[in-house]
């Protein structure tokens, strides 16, 4: 009798363990900047881009074409070092129905602008989220969008390197122009460089900049297809440069280049650095 009880307990434990470590092809964190420099129209363009992408036939087909035919995705909005708000928790997508459900849940969430930009805190949050996801996968990707450098929290280089050391790939979606087609306060070339050298990293990492409002939807769709399919992008040039930097194992950008003390260098003349917000 005792043996039967032990066997039953062991089976229950093994079943619980299997559920706790569900295998998927990819674990993907979509981390979206909602600091006040991202205006409401930009927030809506980003959100609608992701909603449309998860309803897209090609994206759903890419998910189902994986070895296991399923991925785990979560959507997070981030701003200062205390704000990493999970809008849609970890969800397994494996069919048109589950993809549409994810899109519907995302579309239903309200918009809330916040203050400051802490990329480093988002990196730390991602490390904790992957560790507690309850899933196992060969690939783990943090997909981070933003329109400015780290100006709050700890060192972005230290946080980035700590995340990469766990095997995570970080891809970047720098927003170089606002929806009115004018550039943001940051020099677009330097902001793209900042993402290449201070944000992205890991195997196959890339940067895919958004230069106009017409590119939001297509860039988000293209980025998701590359991440889901584990394709190595070959264009545009900014993607190639990102791969080059990501593959240089010993490349260590200086803190002076990447962290907040030289924030003013990233502004586009004749702008003066405004108060950090």
C-alpha atoms as a PDB file:
ATOM      1  CA  UNK A   1       0.000   0.000   0.000  1.00  0.00           C
ATOM      2  CA  UNK A   2       2.778   2.354   0.942  1.00  0.00           C
ATOM      3  CA  UNK A   3       4.509   1.603  -2.359  1.00  0.00           C
ATOM      4  CA  UNK A   4       1.369   2.451  -4.317  1.00  0.00           C
ATOM      5  CA  UNK A   5       1.065   5.764  -2.502  1.00  0.00           C
ATOM      6  CA  UNK A   6       4.693   6.587  -3.254  1.00  0.00           C
ATOM      7  CA  UNK A   7       4.213   5.762  -6.928  1.00  0.00           C
ATOM      8  CA  UNK A   8       1.081   7.927  -7.082  1.00  0.00           C
ATOM      9  CA  UNK A   9       2.894  10.840  -5.445  1.00  0.00           C
ATOM     10  CA  UNK A  10       5.803  10.443  -7.859  1.00  0.00           C
ATOM     11  CA  UNK A  11       3.473  10.458 -10.871  1.00  0.00           C
ATOM     12  CA  UNK A  12       1.723  13.591  -9.630  1.00  0.00           C
ATOM     13  CA  UNK A  13       5.073  15.285  -9.035  1.00  0.00           C
ATOM     14  CA  UNK A  14       6.359  14.351 -12.490  1.00  0.00           C
ATOM     15  CA  UNK A  15       3.142  15.592 -14.122  1.00  0.00           C
ATOM     16  CA  UNK A  16       3.409  18.885 -12.252  1.00  0.00           C
ATOM     17  CA  UNK A  17       7.067  19.229 -13.242  1.00  0.00           C
ATOM     18  CA  UNK A  18       6.245  18.587 -16.897  1.00  0.00           C
ATOM     19  CA  UNK A  19       3.563  21.248 -16.799  1.00  0.00           C
ATOM     20  CA  UNK A  20       5.898  23.667 -15.066  1.00  0.00           C
ATOM     21  CA  UNK A  21       8.503  23.227 -17.802  1.00  0.00           C
ATOM     22  CA  UNK A  22       6.392  23.156 -20.939  1.00  0.00           C
ATOM     23  CA  UNK A  23       8.610  22.991 -23.995  1.00  0.00           C
ATOM     24  CA  UNK A  24       8.235  25.605 -26.737  1.00  0.00           C
ATOM     25  CA  UNK A  25      10.312  26.625 -29.743  1.00  0.00           C
ATOM     26  CA  UNK A  26      10.828  30.179 -28.500  1.00  0.00           C
ATOM     27  CA  UNK A  27      10.266  32.318 -25.420  1.00  0.00           C
ATOM     28  CA  UNK A  28       9.743  35.920 -26.523  1.00  0.00           C
ATOM     29  CA  UNK A  29       9.388  39.051 -24.390  1.00  0.00           C
ATOM     30  CA  UNK A  30       8.004  42.044 -26.273  1.00  0.00           C
ATOM     31  CA  UNK A  31       9.222  45.076 -24.297  1.00  0.00           C
ATOM     32  CA  UNK A  32       7.668  48.362 -25.440  1.00  0.00           C
ATOM     33  CA  UNK A  33       8.808  51.834 -24.353  1.00  0.00           C
ATOM     34  CA  UNK A  34       5.961  53.979 -22.939  1.00  0.00           C
ATOM     35  CA  UNK A  35       7.998  56.872 -21.528  1.00  0.00           C
ATOM     36  CA  UNK A  36       6.552  60.333 -22.210  1.00  0.00           C
ATOM     37  CA  UNK A  37       8.814  60.834 -25.212  1.00  0.00           C
ATOM     38  CA  UNK A  38       6.640  58.185 -26.889  1.00  0.00           C
ATOM     39  CA  UNK A  39       3.449  60.121 -27.573  1.00  0.00           C
ATOM     40  CA  UNK A  40      -0.018  58.577 -27.658  1.00  0.00           C
ATOM     41  CA  UNK A  41      -0.043  58.179 -31.431  1.00  0.00           C
ATOM     42  CA  UNK A  42       3.272  56.317 -31.345  1.00  0.00           C
ATOM     43  CA  UNK A  43       1.942  54.079 -28.561  1.00  0.00           C
ATOM     44  CA  UNK A  44      -1.120  53.286 -30.646  1.00  0.00           C
ATOM     45  CA  UNK A  45       0.984  52.593 -33.739  1.00  0.00           C
ATOM     46  CA  UNK A  46       3.191  50.167 -31.806  1.00  0.00           C
ATOM     47  CA  UNK A  47       0.257  48.422 -30.169  1.00  0.00           C
ATOM     48  CA  UNK A  48      -1.749  48.118 -33.380  1.00  0.00           C
ATOM     49  CA  UNK A  49       1.352  46.796 -35.153  1.00  0.00           C
ATOM     50  CA  UNK A  50       1.688  43.923 -32.687  1.00  0.00           C
ATOM     51  CA  UNK A  51      -2.057  43.227 -32.687  1.00  0.00           C
ATOM     52  CA  UNK A  52      -2.065  43.029 -36.485  1.00  0.00           C
ATOM     53  CA  UNK A  53       1.079  40.874 -36.536  1.00  0.00           C
ATOM     54  CA  UNK A  54      -0.406  38.186 -34.293  1.00  0.00           C
ATOM     55  CA  UNK A  55      -3.449  38.047 -36.561  1.00  0.00           C
ATOM     56  CA  UNK A  56      -1.252  37.780 -39.647  1.00  0.00           C
ATOM     57  CA  UNK A  57      -1.356  34.468 -41.524  1.00  0.00           C
ATOM     58  CA  UNK A  58       2.371  34.457 -42.228  1.00  0.00           C
ATOM     59  CA  UNK A  59       3.213  34.965 -38.530  1.00  0.00           C
ATOM     60  CA  UNK A  60       0.835  32.188 -37.461  1.00  0.00           C
ATOM     61  CA  UNK A  61       2.248  29.903 -40.152  1.00  0.00           C
ATOM     62  CA  UNK A  62       5.790  30.625 -38.940  1.00  0.00           C
ATOM     63  CA  UNK A  63       4.796  29.697 -35.380  1.00  0.00           C
ATOM     64  CA  UNK A  64       3.212  26.411 -36.471  1.00  0.00           C
ATOM     65  CA  UNK A  65       6.204  25.586 -38.672  1.00  0.00           C
ATOM     66  CA  UNK A  66       8.582  25.327 -35.731  1.00  0.00           C
ATOM     67  CA  UNK A  67       9.857  21.993 -34.412  1.00  0.00           C
ATOM     68  CA  UNK A  68       7.226  21.966 -31.660  1.00  0.00           C
ATOM     69  CA  UNK A  69       4.787  24.286 -33.404  1.00  0.00           C
ATOM     70  CA  UNK A  70       4.338  26.641 -30.447  1.00  0.00           C
ATOM     71  CA  UNK A  71       5.979  29.654 -28.811  1.00  0.00           C
ATOM     72  CA  UNK A  72       5.540  31.471 -25.490  1.00  0.00           C
ATOM     73  CA  UNK A  73       5.069  35.251 -25.646  1.00  0.00           C
ATOM     74  CA  UNK A  74       4.503  38.044 -23.140  1.00  0.00           C
ATOM     75  CA  UNK A  75       3.993  41.779 -23.723  1.00  0.00           C
ATOM     76  CA  UNK A  76       5.535  44.303 -21.307  1.00  0.00           C
ATOM     77  CA  UNK A  77       5.434  48.105 -21.224  1.00  0.00           C
ATOM     78  CA  UNK A  78       8.393  49.762 -19.546  1.00  0.00           C
ATOM     79  CA  UNK A  79       9.589  53.225 -18.516  1.00  0.00           C
ATOM     80  CA  UNK A  80      11.571  54.102 -15.373  1.00  0.00           C
ATOM     81  CA  UNK A  81      13.362  51.603 -13.130  1.00  0.00           C
ATOM     82  CA  UNK A  82      10.153  50.823 -11.199  1.00  0.00           C
ATOM     83  CA  UNK A  83       7.832  50.377 -14.175  1.00  0.00           C
ATOM     84  CA  UNK A  84       7.804  47.145 -16.162  1.00  0.00           C
ATOM     85  CA  UNK A  85       4.093  46.542 -16.588  1.00  0.00           C
ATOM     86  CA  UNK A  86       2.987  43.145 -17.948  1.00  0.00           C
ATOM     87  CA  UNK A  87      -0.004  43.756 -20.213  1.00  0.00           C
ATOM     88  CA  UNK A  88      -0.330  40.173 -21.428  1.00  0.00           C
ATOM     89  CA  UNK A  89       1.329  37.468 -19.287  1.00  0.00           C
ATOM     90  CA  UNK A  90       3.183  34.460 -20.683  1.00  0.00           C
ATOM     91  CA  UNK A  91       0.911  32.862 -23.263  1.00  0.00           C
ATOM     92  CA  UNK A  92       1.503  29.810 -25.444  1.00  0.00           C
ATOM     93  CA  UNK A  93       0.604  30.473 -29.074  1.00  0.00           C
ATOM     94  CA  UNK A  94       0.197  27.421 -31.286  1.00  0.00           C
ATOM     95  CA  UNK A  95      -2.775  28.101 -33.538  1.00  0.00           C
ATOM     96  CA  UNK A  96      -4.818  30.818 -35.198  1.00  0.00           C
ATOM     97  CA  UNK A  97      -7.186  30.780 -32.207  1.00  0.00           C
ATOM     98  CA  UNK A  98      -4.467  31.250 -29.572  1.00  0.00           C
ATOM     99  CA  UNK A  99      -2.744  33.924 -31.691  1.00  0.00           C
ATOM    100  CA  UNK A 100      -6.019  35.831 -32.084  1.00  0.00           C
ATOM    101  CA  UNK A 101      -6.698  35.511 -28.357  1.00  0.00           C
ATOM    102  CA  UNK A 102      -3.302  37.061 -27.586  1.00  0.00           C
ATOM    103  CA  UNK A 103      -4.030  39.889 -30.042  1.00  0.00           C
ATOM    104  CA  UNK A 104      -7.497  40.479 -28.546  1.00  0.00           C
ATOM    105  CA  UNK A 105      -6.143  40.628 -24.987  1.00  0.00           C
ATOM    106  CA  UNK A 106      -3.463  43.102 -26.045  1.00  0.00           C
ATOM    107  CA  UNK A 107      -5.899  45.296 -27.976  1.00  0.00           C
ATOM    108  CA  UNK A 108      -8.182  45.550 -24.941  1.00  0.00           C
ATOM    109  CA  UNK A 109      -5.555  47.026 -22.603  1.00  0.00           C
ATOM    110  CA  UNK A 110      -5.593  50.789 -21.894  1.00  0.00           C
ATOM    111  CA  UNK A 111      -2.760  53.182 -22.751  1.00  0.00           C
ATOM    112  CA  UNK A 112      -0.745  54.677 -19.874  1.00  0.00           C
ATOM    113  CA  UNK A 113       2.243  56.966 -20.518  1.00  0.00           C
ATOM    114  CA  UNK A 114       4.981  56.974 -17.880  1.00  0.00           C
ATOM    115  CA  UNK A 115       8.196  58.842 -17.062  1.00  0.00           C
ATOM    116  CA  UNK A 116      11.896  58.237 -17.746  1.00  0.00           C
ATOM    117  CA  UNK A 117      13.706  55.492 -19.659  1.00  0.00           C
ATOM    118  CA  UNK A 118      15.390  52.616 -17.839  1.00  0.00           C
ATOM    119  CA  UNK A 119      16.560  50.057 -20.369  1.00  0.00           C
ATOM    120  CA  UNK A 120      18.781  48.539 -17.681  1.00  0.00           C
ATOM    121  CA  UNK A 121      15.818  47.856 -15.386  1.00  0.00           C
ATOM    122  CA  UNK A 122      13.956  46.215 -18.287  1.00  0.00           C
ATOM    123  CA  UNK A 123      16.974  43.960 -18.836  1.00  0.00           C
ATOM    124  CA  UNK A 124      16.907  42.964 -15.157  1.00  0.00           C
ATOM    125  CA  UNK A 125      13.161  42.350 -15.333  1.00  0.00           C
ATOM    126  CA  UNK A 126      13.569  40.180 -18.436  1.00  0.00           C
ATOM    127  CA  UNK A 127      16.160  38.033 -16.679  1.00  0.00           C
ATOM    128  CA  UNK A 128      13.704  37.364 -13.861  1.00  0.00           C
ATOM    129  CA  UNK A 129      10.807  36.762 -16.257  1.00  0.00           C
ATOM    130  CA  UNK A 130      12.691  34.158 -18.274  1.00  0.00           C
ATOM    131  CA  UNK A 131      13.788  32.414 -15.078  1.00  0.00           C
ATOM    132  CA  UNK A 132      10.181  32.131 -13.857  1.00  0.00           C
ATOM    133  CA  UNK A 133       8.375  31.585 -17.177  1.00  0.00           C
ATOM    134  CA  UNK A 134       7.596  27.926 -16.499  1.00  0.00           C
ATOM    135  CA  UNK A 135       8.698  27.081 -20.044  1.00  0.00           C
ATOM    136  CA  UNK A 136      11.788  25.564 -21.603  1.00  0.00           C
ATOM    137  CA  UNK A 137      13.102  26.487 -25.040  1.00  0.00           C
ATOM    138  CA  UNK A 138      16.291  26.417 -27.061  1.00  0.00           C
ATOM    139  CA  UNK A 139      15.864  30.113 -27.892  1.00  0.00           C
ATOM    140  CA  UNK A 140      14.953  33.046 -25.630  1.00  0.00           C
ATOM    141  CA  UNK A 141      14.616  36.537 -27.096  1.00  0.00           C
ATOM    142  CA  UNK A 142      14.014  39.973 -25.613  1.00  0.00           C
ATOM    143  CA  UNK A 143      12.595  42.318 -28.241  1.00  0.00           C
ATOM    144  CA  UNK A 144      12.984  45.915 -27.027  1.00  0.00           C
ATOM    145  CA  UNK A 145      11.664  49.087 -28.657  1.00  0.00           C
ATOM    146  CA  UNK A 146      12.475  52.644 -27.603  1.00  0.00           C
ATOM    147  CA  UNK A 147      13.215  56.180 -28.757  1.00  0.00           C
ATOM    148  CA  UNK A 148      16.008  57.204 -26.402  1.00  0.00           C
ATOM    149  CA  UNK A 149      19.014  56.032 -24.356  1.00  0.00           C
ATOM    150  CA  UNK A 150      19.033  54.762 -20.790  1.00  0.00           C
ATOM    151  CA  UNK A 151      18.550  57.739 -18.438  1.00  0.00           C
ATOM    152  CA  UNK A 152      17.405  56.062 -15.232  1.00  0.00           C
ATOM    153  CA  UNK A 153      18.493  53.136 -13.089  1.00  0.00           C
ATOM    154  CA  UNK A 154      21.728  51.187 -13.229  1.00  0.00           C
ATOM    155  CA  UNK A 155      24.351  50.642 -15.900  1.00  0.00           C
ATOM    156  CA  UNK A 156      22.814  49.493 -19.182  1.00  0.00           C
ATOM    157  CA  UNK A 157      26.040  47.685 -20.124  1.00  0.00           C
ATOM    158  CA  UNK A 158      26.188  45.671 -16.896  1.00  0.00           C
ATOM    159  CA  UNK A 159      22.507  44.728 -17.121  1.00  0.00           C
ATOM    160  CA  UNK A 160      22.773  43.850 -20.800  1.00  0.00           C
ATOM    161  CA  UNK A 161      25.826  41.659 -20.346  1.00  0.00           C
ATOM    162  CA  UNK A 162      24.249  39.870 -17.380  1.00  0.00           C
ATOM    163  CA  UNK A 163      21.216  39.039 -19.512  1.00  0.00           C
ATOM    164  CA  UNK A 164      23.276  37.874 -22.496  1.00  0.00           C
ATOM    165  CA  UNK A 165      25.331  35.592 -20.247  1.00  0.00           C
ATOM    166  CA  UNK A 166      22.142  33.625 -19.514  1.00  0.00           C
ATOM    167  CA  UNK A 167      21.822  32.817 -23.224  1.00  0.00           C
ATOM    168  CA  UNK A 168      19.228  35.438 -24.126  1.00  0.00           C
ATOM    169  CA  UNK A 169      19.321  37.294 -27.457  1.00  0.00           C
ATOM    170  CA  UNK A 170      18.382  40.996 -27.352  1.00  0.00           C
ATOM    171  CA  UNK A 171      16.964  42.595 -30.500  1.00  0.00           C
ATOM    172  CA  UNK A 172      16.296  46.320 -30.870  1.00  0.00           C
ATOM    173  CA  UNK A 173      13.594  48.399 -32.526  1.00  0.00           C
ATOM    174  CA  UNK A 174      14.773  52.027 -32.217  1.00  0.00           C
ATOM    175  CA  UNK A 175      12.109  54.605 -33.075  1.00  0.00           C
ATOM    176  CA  UNK A 176      13.996  57.285 -34.965  1.00  0.00           C
ATOM    177  CA  UNK A 177      11.093  59.437 -36.132  1.00  0.00           C
ATOM    178  CA  UNK A 178       7.774  60.431 -34.624  1.00  0.00           C
ATOM    179  CA  UNK A 179       4.398  59.907 -36.289  1.00  0.00           C
ATOM    180  CA  UNK A 180       4.489  63.468 -37.659  1.00  0.00           C
ATOM    181  CA  UNK A 181       7.536  62.362 -39.684  1.00  0.00           C
ATOM    182  CA  UNK A 182       9.870  64.658 -37.740  1.00  0.00           C
ATOM    183  CA  UNK A 183      12.872  63.293 -35.912  1.00  0.00           C
ATOM    184  CA  UNK A 184      12.777  62.949 -32.170  1.00  0.00           C
ATOM    185  CA  UNK A 185      15.105  65.070 -30.025  1.00  0.00           C
ATOM    186  CA  UNK A 186      17.829  62.449 -30.368  1.00  0.00           C
ATOM    187  CA  UNK A 187      20.175  62.367 -33.313  1.00  0.00           C
ATOM    188  CA  UNK A 188      18.769  59.419 -35.324  1.00  0.00           C
ATOM    189  CA  UNK A 189      22.163  58.110 -36.443  1.00  0.00           C
ATOM    190  CA  UNK A 190      23.552  58.226 -32.923  1.00  0.00           C
ATOM    191  CA  UNK A 191      20.435  56.626 -31.461  1.00  0.00           C
ATOM    192  CA  UNK A 192      20.695  53.770 -33.946  1.00  0.00           C
ATOM    193  CA  UNK A 193      24.372  53.438 -33.048  1.00  0.00           C
ATOM    194  CA  UNK A 194      23.426  53.437 -29.368  1.00  0.00           C
ATOM    195  CA  UNK A 195      21.062  50.502 -29.909  1.00  0.00           C
ATOM    196  CA  UNK A 196      23.682  48.615 -31.912  1.00  0.00           C
ATOM    197  CA  UNK A 197      26.482  49.102 -29.421  1.00  0.00           C
ATOM    198  CA  UNK A 198      24.735  49.371 -26.054  1.00  0.00           C
ATOM    199  CA  UNK A 199      21.410  47.520 -26.306  1.00  0.00           C
ATOM    200  CA  UNK A 200      21.426  44.491 -28.615  1.00  0.00           C
ATOM    201  CA  UNK A 201      23.515  41.378 -28.154  1.00  0.00           C
ATOM    202  CA  UNK A 202      23.560  37.606 -28.227  1.00  0.00           C
ATOM    203  CA  UNK A 203      23.354  35.079 -31.034  1.00  0.00           C
ATOM    204  CA  UNK A 204      21.857  36.544 -34.211  1.00  0.00           C
ATOM    205  CA  UNK A 205      20.943  39.874 -32.582  1.00  0.00           C
ATOM    206  CA  UNK A 206      19.768  42.666 -34.851  1.00  0.00           C
ATOM    207  CA  UNK A 207      18.542  46.264 -34.958  1.00  0.00           C
ATOM    208  CA  UNK A 208      15.562  47.211 -37.121  1.00  0.00           C
ATOM    209  CA  UNK A 209      15.007  50.993 -36.995  1.00  0.00           C
ATOM    210  CA  UNK A 210      11.676  52.712 -37.612  1.00  0.00           C
ATOM    211  CA  UNK A 211      12.203  55.938 -39.557  1.00  0.00           C
ATOM    212  CA  UNK A 212       8.596  56.920 -40.338  1.00  0.00           C
ATOM    213  CA  UNK A 213       5.084  56.108 -39.170  1.00  0.00           C
ATOM    214  CA  UNK A 214       4.454  54.085 -42.325  1.00  0.00           C
ATOM    215  CA  UNK A 215       7.130  51.599 -41.199  1.00  0.00           C
ATOM    216  CA  UNK A 216       5.654  50.653 -37.811  1.00  0.00           C
ATOM    217  CA  UNK A 217       3.409  47.797 -38.931  1.00  0.00           C
ATOM    218  CA  UNK A 218       5.773  46.332 -41.531  1.00  0.00           C
ATOM    219  CA  UNK A 219       8.816  46.550 -39.252  1.00  0.00           C
ATOM    220  CA  UNK A 220       7.017  44.814 -36.382  1.00  0.00           C
ATOM    221  CA  UNK A 221       5.739  42.057 -38.680  1.00  0.00           C
ATOM    222  CA  UNK A 222       9.172  41.538 -40.275  1.00  0.00           C
ATOM    223  CA  UNK A 223      10.870  41.499 -36.884  1.00  0.00           C
ATOM    224  CA  UNK A 224       8.478  38.898 -35.484  1.00  0.00           C
ATOM    225  CA  UNK A 225       8.889  36.680 -38.536  1.00  0.00           C
ATOM    226  CA  UNK A 226      12.683  36.781 -38.161  1.00  0.00           C
ATOM    227  CA  UNK A 227      12.534  36.051 -34.440  1.00  0.00           C
ATOM    228  CA  UNK A 228       9.999  33.228 -34.729  1.00  0.00           C
ATOM    229  CA  UNK A 229      11.707  31.601 -37.701  1.00  0.00           C
ATOM    230  CA  UNK A 230      15.233  32.100 -36.306  1.00  0.00           C
ATOM    231  CA  UNK A 231      16.253  33.568 -39.633  1.00  0.00           C
ATOM    232  CA  UNK A 232      19.534  35.425 -39.970  1.00  0.00           C
ATOM    233  CA  UNK A 233      18.658  38.808 -41.459  1.00  0.00           C
ATOM    234  CA  UNK A 234      20.865  40.109 -44.217  1.00  0.00           C
ATOM    235  CA  UNK A 235      19.364  43.539 -44.729  1.00  0.00           C
ATOM    236  CA  UNK A 236      19.187  46.429 -44.132  1.00  0.00           C
ATOM    237  CA  UNK A 237      22.732  47.576 -43.373  1.00  0.00           C
ATOM    238  CA  UNK A 238      21.813  48.373 -39.755  1.00  0.00           C
ATOM    239  CA  UNK A 239      20.935  44.711 -39.249  1.00  0.00           C
ATOM    240  CA  UNK A 240      24.292  43.605 -40.599  1.00  0.00           C
ATOM    241  CA  UNK A 241      26.112  46.016 -38.294  1.00  0.00           C
ATOM    242  CA  UNK A 242      24.157  44.743 -35.311  1.00  0.00           C
ATOM    243  CA  UNK A 243      25.170  41.166 -36.064  1.00  0.00           C
ATOM    244  CA  UNK A 244      28.785  42.267 -36.368  1.00  0.00           C
ATOM    245  CA  UNK A 245      28.733  43.872 -32.927  1.00  0.00           C
ATOM    246  CA  UNK A 246      26.804  40.978 -31.373  1.00  0.00           C
ATOM    247  CA  UNK A 247      29.339  38.414 -32.635  1.00  0.00           C
ATOM    248  CA  UNK A 248      32.330  40.275 -31.228  1.00  0.00           C
ATOM    249  CA  UNK A 249      32.486  38.418 -27.943  1.00  0.00           C
ATOM    250  CA  UNK A 250      35.149  40.698 -26.467  1.00  0.00           C
ATOM    251  CA  UNK A 251      33.501  43.933 -27.604  1.00  0.00           C
ATOM    252  CA  UNK A 252      32.850  46.055 -24.508  1.00  0.00           C
ATOM    253  CA  UNK A 253      31.379  49.537 -25.115  1.00  0.00           C
ATOM    254  CA  UNK A 254      32.474  51.940 -22.422  1.00  0.00           C
ATOM    255  CA  UNK A 255      30.104  53.149 -19.755  1.00  0.00           C
ATOM    256  CA  UNK A 256      30.896  56.698 -20.882  1.00  0.00           C
ATOM    257  CA  UNK A 257      29.419  55.842 -24.270  1.00  0.00           C
ATOM    258  CA  UNK A 258      26.344  53.975 -23.087  1.00  0.00           C
ATOM    259  CA  UNK A 259      25.254  55.323 -19.719  1.00  0.00           C
ATOM    260  CA  UNK A 260      23.586  58.466 -18.553  1.00  0.00           C
ATOM    261  CA  UNK A 261      26.467  60.798 -17.686  1.00  0.00           C
ATOM    262  CA  UNK A 262      27.022  61.773 -21.345  1.00  0.00           C
ATOM    263  CA  UNK A 263      23.326  61.827 -22.230  1.00  0.00           C
ATOM    264  CA  UNK A 264      23.638  65.245 -23.874  1.00  0.00           C
ATOM    265  CA  UNK A 265      25.843  63.859 -26.645  1.00  0.00           C
ATOM    266  CA  UNK A 266      22.904  61.943 -28.041  1.00  0.00           C
ATOM    267  CA  UNK A 267      20.776  64.993 -28.736  1.00  0.00           C
ATOM    268  CA  UNK A 268      20.396  66.338 -32.231  1.00  0.00           C
ATOM    269  CA  UNK A 269      21.573  69.951 -32.651  1.00  0.00           C
ATOM    270  CA  UNK A 270      20.206  72.542 -32.070  1.00  0.00           C
ATOM    271  CA  UNK A 271      18.272  70.718 -29.322  1.00  0.00           C
ATOM    272  CA  UNK A 272      19.363  71.174 -25.753  1.00  0.00           C
ATOM    273  CA  UNK A 273      18.939  68.220 -23.406  1.00  0.00           C
ATOM    274  CA  UNK A 274      15.592  68.692 -21.662  1.00  0.00           C
ATOM    275  CA  UNK A 275      15.002  67.554 -18.148  1.00  0.00           C
ATOM    276  CA  UNK A 276      14.981  63.781 -17.976  1.00  0.00           C
ATOM    277  CA  UNK A 277      11.381  62.590 -18.239  1.00  0.00           C
END
